[in-house]
Amino acid sequence: MQTYLDFEKPISDLEAKIHELKKIAAEDESIDTSDEVTRLEVRVREAMEEIYAKLNAWQKTQVARHPQRPHFVDYAGQLFTDFTPLAGDRSFGEDAAIQAGLARFRGQPVAVIGQEKGHDTKSRLKHNFGSPRPEGYRKAIRVMEMADRFGLPVISLIDTAGAYPGVGAEERGQAEAIARSTEMCLALTVPMVSVVIGEGGSGGAIAIATGNRVYMLEHSIYSVISPEGAASILWRDSTRAREAATNMRITAADLRELGVIDDIIAEPTGGAHRDPQAVIHATGDVISTALEELGRMSGEEVRNARRQKFLQIGRNL
C-alpha cells in the first residue's frame, strides 16, 4: 500500500478514486470505467509533476525519509553481484547499521559500504534505524583498508540521520571512530565514489562519504545536523524544523551550488519510491562513469585529488 506524505493529498485523493473505479469494474464486468480511470491517471501525473517541481526543503526532507524509499539493501541487490558482507570490527562487535563487504559492480571487483535503515519494525531495530555505532565505522575502516591493499575501488551509499548518540556508543569512542573513518577515506589510493541516497546526517554520513566523487539523489538531503536538531539548538523548539530546513540549505540543488557535491542524480516524478528500479539503474550509470574517469588516474593522483576537493569547499563562495 502506498504511503502518502502530507503535501501529496491531491495525489492520494485521485489515486483513491482510481482504486475505487477499478474495484467496481472488477466486481461487475458490465461496468466499463476505463475511460474515467485513464482521465484520472492523467490528472495524477499532472498533479505529481506540479507538486514535485516546486518542493521546498522541508518537503524534500520528508521525501528523503519516505518509508518506502529504496535503501542500501535494494541498491546492493540490483547493482552488485557476488556481494559478500563482512562483519565485525575485530575490536568490539558487529554493527548492522553499516553494511560493508566485497562485490562485483558490472563485472569489476569493488568494496561496498553503506548504511541500512530497515524496512519494517523488526529490520529497523536490527539495523538501529540506520544510526551506526563506533564498531560500524571501525568495520568500514577495516573494509577500506582491505580495498586499498588489493586495489579495489570503494563505493559508499549514505542514508543515515546521524551516528548513534547513545551512552554506550560514546563510551566506545564514537567521535574518534568517525574521525578515523573520515581520515581513512582521505588516505585511500583507490577511487572512492559516494552517493547520498536518502539522508546524509552529520559526521555519521561524512565518515563514509569523503569520496573523489560525491553525488546526491534529487530529493535526498545532506546536512551537519537534522532540521529538528538544529531547531532545538537554535530556538529550543523542534517544531520549527521546517524553518531550520529552509535556512540550512540541505537540498541537493543547494549543495551543488555550494560545491559540496559534484552532481545530482534525477529521481522519477514522485520520488525514488515511485520507481525504485529506475533510480537504482540511474545511480549505477553515474557510479560507472565516475569509476571509469577515476580509473585513468594513478593512486597518488586519486588521493591528492580527493584531498584537494575537500580543501576547496567554501573557498570560492
Protein backbone atom coordinates (compact mmCIF):
# COMPACT_ATOMS: atom_id res chain seq x y z
CA MET A 1 0.00 0.00 0.00
CA GLN A 2 1.33 3.42 -0.99
CA THR A 3 2.25 5.76 1.87
CA TYR A 4 1.42 9.40 1.14
CA LEU A 5 3.12 12.47 2.57
CA ASP A 6 1.00 15.35 3.83
CA PHE A 7 1.60 17.52 0.74
CA GLU A 8 0.56 14.64 -1.54
CA LYS A 9 -3.13 14.77 -0.58
CA PRO A 10 -4.32 15.80 -4.08
CA ILE A 11 -2.48 12.77 -5.46
CA SER A 12 -3.82 10.41 -2.79
CA ASP A 13 -7.41 11.57 -3.41
CA LEU A 14 -7.12 10.96 -7.15
CA GLU A 15 -5.46 7.57 -6.74
CA ALA A 16 -8.14 6.56 -4.22
CA LYS A 17 -10.79 7.31 -6.87
CA ILE A 18 -8.86 5.24 -9.42
CA HIS A 19 -8.65 2.34 -6.99
CA GLU A 20 -12.39 2.55 -6.32
CA LEU A 21 -13.26 2.62 -10.03
CA LYS A 22 -11.05 -0.40 -10.73
CA LYS A 23 -12.68 -2.24 -7.84
CA ILE A 24 -16.16 -1.51 -9.20
CA ALA A 25 -15.15 -2.74 -12.67
CA ALA A 26 -13.65 -5.91 -11.20
CA GLU A 27 -16.83 -6.68 -9.26
CA ASP A 28 -19.18 -6.03 -12.20
CA GLU A 29 -17.83 -6.73 -15.69
CA SER A 30 -20.75 -4.92 -17.30
CA ILE A 31 -19.46 -1.61 -15.96
CA ASP A 32 -16.66 0.00 -18.01
CA THR A 33 -14.62 2.53 -16.04
CA SER A 34 -11.54 2.52 -18.28
CA ASP A 35 -12.10 5.98 -19.78
CA GLU A 36 -12.58 7.59 -16.39
CA VAL A 37 -9.56 5.73 -15.00
CA THR A 38 -7.40 6.96 -17.90
CA ARG A 39 -8.58 10.53 -17.35
CA LEU A 40 -7.79 10.36 -13.64
CA GLU A 41 -4.37 8.81 -14.29
CA VAL A 42 -3.51 11.78 -16.50
CA ARG A 43 -4.59 14.11 -13.69
CA VAL A 44 -2.41 12.16 -11.24
CA ARG A 45 0.65 12.59 -13.46
CA GLU A 46 -0.06 16.29 -13.89
CA ALA A 47 -0.58 16.81 -10.14
CA MET A 48 2.57 14.87 -9.32
CA GLU A 49 4.67 16.86 -11.80
CA GLU A 50 3.30 20.15 -10.47
CA ILE A 51 3.85 19.27 -6.80
CA TYR A 52 7.33 17.76 -7.20
CA ALA A 53 8.56 20.58 -9.42
CA LYS A 54 8.36 23.03 -6.52
CA LEU A 55 9.16 21.07 -3.36
CA ASN A 56 10.62 23.15 -0.55
CA ALA A 57 13.47 21.98 1.69
CA TRP A 58 11.18 20.53 4.36
CA GLN A 59 9.13 18.63 1.81
CA LYS A 60 12.33 17.20 0.32
CA THR A 61 13.31 16.13 3.82
CA GLN A 62 10.05 14.21 4.07
CA VAL A 63 10.66 12.55 0.71
CA ALA A 64 14.22 11.62 1.74
CA ARG A 65 12.76 9.90 4.80
CA HIS A 66 9.88 8.20 2.99
CA PRO A 67 9.44 4.70 4.48
CA GLN A 68 9.12 3.13 1.02
CA ARG A 69 12.21 4.80 -0.39
CA PRO A 70 14.79 2.23 -1.61
CA HIS A 71 17.50 1.54 0.96
CA PHE A 72 21.00 0.13 0.82
CA VAL A 73 19.82 -3.49 0.56
CA ASP A 74 17.75 -2.58 -2.51
CA TYR A 75 20.73 -0.96 -4.25
CA ALA A 76 23.05 -3.79 -3.23
CA GLY A 77 20.65 -6.38 -4.59
CA GLN A 78 20.42 -4.74 -8.02
CA LEU A 79 23.78 -3.02 -8.53
CA PHE A 80 26.16 -5.67 -7.23
CA THR A 81 26.77 -9.34 -7.84
CA ASP A 82 28.69 -11.77 -5.64
CA PHE A 83 28.17 -9.42 -2.69
CA THR A 84 29.95 -10.89 0.33
CA PRO A 85 29.15 -8.94 3.52
CA LEU A 86 31.89 -8.74 6.15
CA ALA A 87 31.01 -8.47 9.83
CA GLY A 88 32.66 -7.14 12.96
CA ASP A 89 35.32 -4.56 13.72
CA ARG A 90 37.79 -7.06 15.29
CA SER A 91 37.61 -4.98 18.45
CA PHE A 92 34.13 -4.96 20.00
CA GLY A 93 31.43 -6.49 17.83
CA GLU A 94 29.15 -6.23 14.82
CA ASP A 95 27.03 -3.21 13.92
CA ALA A 96 24.25 -3.93 11.43
CA ALA A 97 23.61 -0.22 10.79
CA ILE A 98 26.61 -0.25 8.45
CA GLN A 99 26.73 -2.93 5.79
CA ALA A 100 30.11 -3.49 4.17
CA GLY A 101 31.82 -6.09 2.06
CA LEU A 102 33.23 -7.11 -1.29
CA ALA A 103 31.28 -7.43 -4.54
CA ARG A 104 31.36 -7.02 -8.29
CA PHE A 105 29.93 -3.90 -9.88
CA ARG A 106 29.19 -4.52 -13.55
CA GLY A 107 31.94 -7.12 -13.56
CA GLN A 108 34.50 -5.00 -11.69
CA PRO A 109 35.64 -6.08 -8.19
CA VAL A 110 34.81 -3.36 -5.63
CA ALA A 111 34.39 -2.73 -1.92
CA VAL A 112 30.93 -1.59 -0.84
CA ILE A 113 29.91 0.32 2.29
CA GLY A 114 26.50 1.72 3.19
CA GLN A 115 24.02 2.47 5.93
CA GLU A 116 20.87 0.40 6.14
CA LYS A 117 17.77 1.73 7.94
CA GLY A 118 15.48 -1.28 7.57
CA HIS A 119 12.00 -1.54 6.03
CA ASP A 120 9.85 -2.74 8.90
CA THR A 121 9.90 -2.68 12.69
CA LYS A 122 12.00 -5.85 13.02
CA SER A 123 14.63 -4.83 10.47
CA ARG A 124 14.73 -1.23 11.72
CA LEU A 125 15.53 -2.44 15.22
CA LYS A 126 18.15 -4.82 13.84
CA HIS A 127 19.84 -2.02 11.88
CA ASN A 128 19.32 0.56 14.65
CA PHE A 129 17.34 2.75 12.23
CA GLY A 130 20.50 3.33 10.20
CA SER A 131 22.37 5.09 13.03
CA PRO A 132 25.80 3.43 13.32
CA ARG A 133 27.76 2.77 16.48
CA PRO A 134 31.59 3.04 16.66
CA GLU A 135 32.07 -0.60 15.70
CA GLY A 136 30.22 0.11 12.44
CA TYR A 137 32.71 2.79 11.46
CA ARG A 138 35.64 0.59 12.53
CA LYS A 139 34.23 -2.14 10.31
CA ALA A 140 34.09 0.38 7.45
CA ILE A 141 37.74 1.28 8.11
CA ARG A 142 38.66 -2.42 8.01
CA VAL A 143 36.96 -2.85 4.63
CA MET A 144 38.54 0.34 3.23
CA GLU A 145 41.99 -0.82 4.35
CA MET A 146 41.38 -4.12 2.59
CA ALA A 147 40.22 -2.32 -0.55
CA ASP A 148 43.33 -0.14 -0.58
CA ARG A 149 45.58 -3.15 -0.10
CA PHE A 150 44.06 -5.06 -3.01
CA GLY A 151 43.40 -2.10 -5.31
CA LEU A 152 39.59 -2.22 -5.17
CA PRO A 153 37.53 0.95 -5.79
CA VAL A 154 35.22 1.86 -2.91
CA ILE A 155 31.53 2.63 -3.41
CA SER A 156 29.60 4.07 -0.47
CA LEU A 157 25.84 4.63 -0.20
CA ILE A 158 24.80 7.07 2.51
CA ASP A 159 21.46 7.02 4.27
CA THR A 160 21.54 7.94 7.96
CA ALA A 161 20.02 10.54 10.24
CA GLY A 162 23.37 10.52 12.04
CA ALA A 163 25.65 8.36 14.16
CA TYR A 164 24.03 6.80 17.23
CA PRO A 165 24.36 9.20 20.21
CA GLY A 166 23.82 6.64 22.99
CA VAL A 167 25.94 6.39 26.12
CA GLY A 168 27.49 3.08 25.10
CA ALA A 169 28.49 4.45 21.71
CA GLU A 170 30.12 7.48 23.33
CA GLU A 171 31.94 5.27 25.83
CA ARG A 172 33.37 3.21 22.98
CA GLY A 173 34.72 6.28 21.18
CA GLN A 174 32.07 7.37 18.70
CA ALA A 175 33.76 10.65 17.77
CA GLU A 176 37.16 9.00 17.38
CA ALA A 177 35.71 6.25 15.18
CA ILE A 178 34.03 8.81 12.90
CA ALA A 179 37.25 10.82 12.66
CA ARG A 180 39.32 7.72 11.86
CA SER A 181 36.85 6.64 9.20
CA THR A 182 36.93 10.08 7.57
CA GLU A 183 40.74 10.00 7.73
CA MET A 184 40.76 6.58 6.09
CA CYS A 185 38.60 7.87 3.23
CA LEU A 186 41.09 10.67 2.61
CA ALA A 187 44.06 8.29 2.73
CA LEU A 188 42.79 5.84 0.11
CA THR A 189 44.85 5.46 -3.06
CA VAL A 190 41.92 3.79 -4.83
CA PRO A 191 38.92 5.67 -6.29
CA MET A 192 36.00 6.28 -3.94
CA VAL A 193 32.52 7.20 -5.17
CA SER A 194 29.83 8.20 -2.66
CA VAL A 195 26.10 8.66 -3.20
CA VAL A 196 23.62 10.12 -0.70
CA ILE A 197 20.50 8.04 -1.38
CA GLY A 198 18.33 9.37 1.44
CA GLU A 199 19.52 11.29 4.48
CA GLY A 200 23.11 12.38 4.89
CA GLY A 201 23.26 13.29 8.54
CA SER A 202 26.30 14.97 10.11
CA GLY A 203 29.57 13.16 10.83
CA GLY A 204 27.68 9.90 10.69
CA ALA A 205 27.37 10.46 6.95
CA ILE A 206 30.66 12.12 6.03
CA ALA A 207 32.60 9.33 7.76
CA ILE A 208 31.90 7.17 4.70
CA ALA A 209 31.16 9.95 2.20
CA THR A 210 34.55 11.61 1.79
CA GLY A 211 34.93 10.38 -1.76
CA ASN A 212 36.52 11.53 -5.01
CA ARG A 213 33.01 11.96 -6.36
CA VAL A 214 30.03 12.75 -4.15
CA TYR A 215 26.54 12.62 -5.62
CA MET A 216 23.06 13.10 -4.22
CA LEU A 217 19.70 11.83 -5.37
CA GLU A 218 17.43 14.70 -6.35
CA HIS A 219 15.24 14.52 -3.25
CA SER A 220 17.88 13.48 -0.71
CA ILE A 221 19.30 15.80 1.95
CA TYR A 222 22.80 16.31 3.38
CA SER A 223 23.41 18.38 6.49
CA VAL A 224 25.55 18.89 9.57
CA ILE A 225 22.52 18.18 11.78
CA SER A 226 18.89 17.23 11.30
CA PRO A 227 16.38 20.09 10.90
CA GLU A 228 14.76 19.04 14.17
CA GLY A 229 18.12 19.09 15.94
CA ALA A 230 19.01 22.49 14.54
CA ALA A 231 15.65 23.93 15.58
CA SER A 232 16.07 22.53 19.10
CA ILE A 233 19.51 24.15 19.44
CA LEU A 234 18.77 27.48 17.76
CA TRP A 235 15.25 28.15 19.03
CA ARG A 236 14.73 25.43 21.66
CA ASP A 237 11.71 24.38 19.62
CA SER A 238 11.90 21.27 17.42
CA THR A 239 8.57 22.17 15.80
CA ARG A 240 10.43 24.86 13.84
CA ALA A 241 12.18 22.15 11.83
CA ARG A 242 10.58 23.41 8.61
CA GLU A 243 12.18 26.83 9.14
CA ALA A 244 15.53 25.25 10.00
CA ALA A 245 15.49 23.07 6.88
CA THR A 246 14.98 26.13 4.69
CA ASN A 247 17.78 28.13 6.28
CA MET A 248 20.31 25.27 6.44
CA ARG A 249 20.43 24.76 2.65
CA ILE A 250 20.36 20.98 2.82
CA THR A 251 18.93 20.08 -0.59
CA ALA A 252 20.89 18.64 -3.49
CA ALA A 253 20.50 21.84 -5.52
CA ASP A 254 21.82 23.95 -2.64
CA LEU A 255 24.81 21.70 -2.03
CA ARG A 256 25.78 21.52 -5.70
CA GLU A 257 25.71 25.31 -5.81
CA LEU A 258 27.91 25.44 -2.71
CA GLY A 259 30.36 22.95 -4.22
CA VAL A 260 29.82 20.32 -1.53
CA ILE A 261 28.67 17.69 -4.03
CA ASP A 262 29.63 17.03 -7.63
CA ASP A 263 26.25 16.40 -9.22
CA ILE A 264 22.62 15.38 -8.76
CA ILE A 265 21.01 12.11 -9.83
CA ALA A 266 17.47 12.75 -11.07
CA GLU A 267 14.62 10.84 -9.44
CA PRO A 268 11.40 9.69 -11.11
CA THR A 269 8.49 12.10 -10.74
CA GLY A 270 7.03 11.42 -7.32
CA GLY A 271 10.33 10.36 -5.75
CA ALA A 272 12.58 7.30 -5.80
CA HIS A 273 9.95 5.19 -4.05
CA ARG A 274 7.65 5.52 -7.08
CA ASP A 275 10.11 3.74 -9.37
CA PRO A 276 12.99 2.19 -7.39
CA GLN A 277 14.40 0.24 -10.31
CA ALA A 278 14.75 3.36 -12.48
CA VAL A 279 16.58 5.36 -9.82
CA ILE A 280 18.85 2.44 -8.88
CA HIS A 281 19.78 1.94 -12.54
CA ALA A 282 20.47 5.68 -12.94
CA THR A 283 22.66 5.61 -9.83
CA GLY A 284 24.59 2.68 -11.26
CA ASP A 285 25.23 4.57 -14.50
CA VAL A 286 26.60 7.59 -12.61
CA ILE A 287 28.86 5.40 -10.46
CA SER A 288 30.10 3.55 -13.55
CA THR A 289 31.01 6.79 -15.34
CA ALA A 290 32.82 8.14 -12.26
CA LEU A 291 34.85 4.95 -11.80
CA GLU A 292 35.82 4.99 -15.47
CA GLU A 293 37.10 8.57 -15.17
CA LEU A 294 38.95 7.94 -11.91
CA GLY A 295 40.42 4.71 -13.24
CA ARG A 296 42.64 6.72 -15.59
CA MET A 297 44.45 8.29 -12.62
CA SER A 298 47.34 6.89 -10.57
CA GLY A 299 46.86 6.06 -6.91
CA GLU A 300 48.70 9.19 -5.77
CA GLU A 301 46.69 11.35 -8.15
CA VAL A 302 43.44 9.85 -6.85
CA ARG A 303 44.38 10.58 -3.24
CA ASN A 304 45.64 14.11 -3.90
CA ALA A 305 42.58 14.99 -5.99
CA ARG A 306 40.28 13.83 -3.19
CA ARG A 307 42.12 15.88 -0.58
CA GLN A 308 42.13 18.99 -2.75
CA LYS A 309 38.43 18.55 -3.47
CA PHE A 310 37.56 18.87 0.21
CA LEU A 311 40.10 21.60 0.91
CA GLN A 312 38.47 23.72 -1.80
CA ILE A 313 34.93 23.54 -0.38
CA GLY A 314 33.83 27.02 0.64
CA ARG A 315 36.84 28.84 -0.82
CA ASN A 316 35.11 30.06 -3.97
CA LEU A 317 31.93 31.40 -2.37
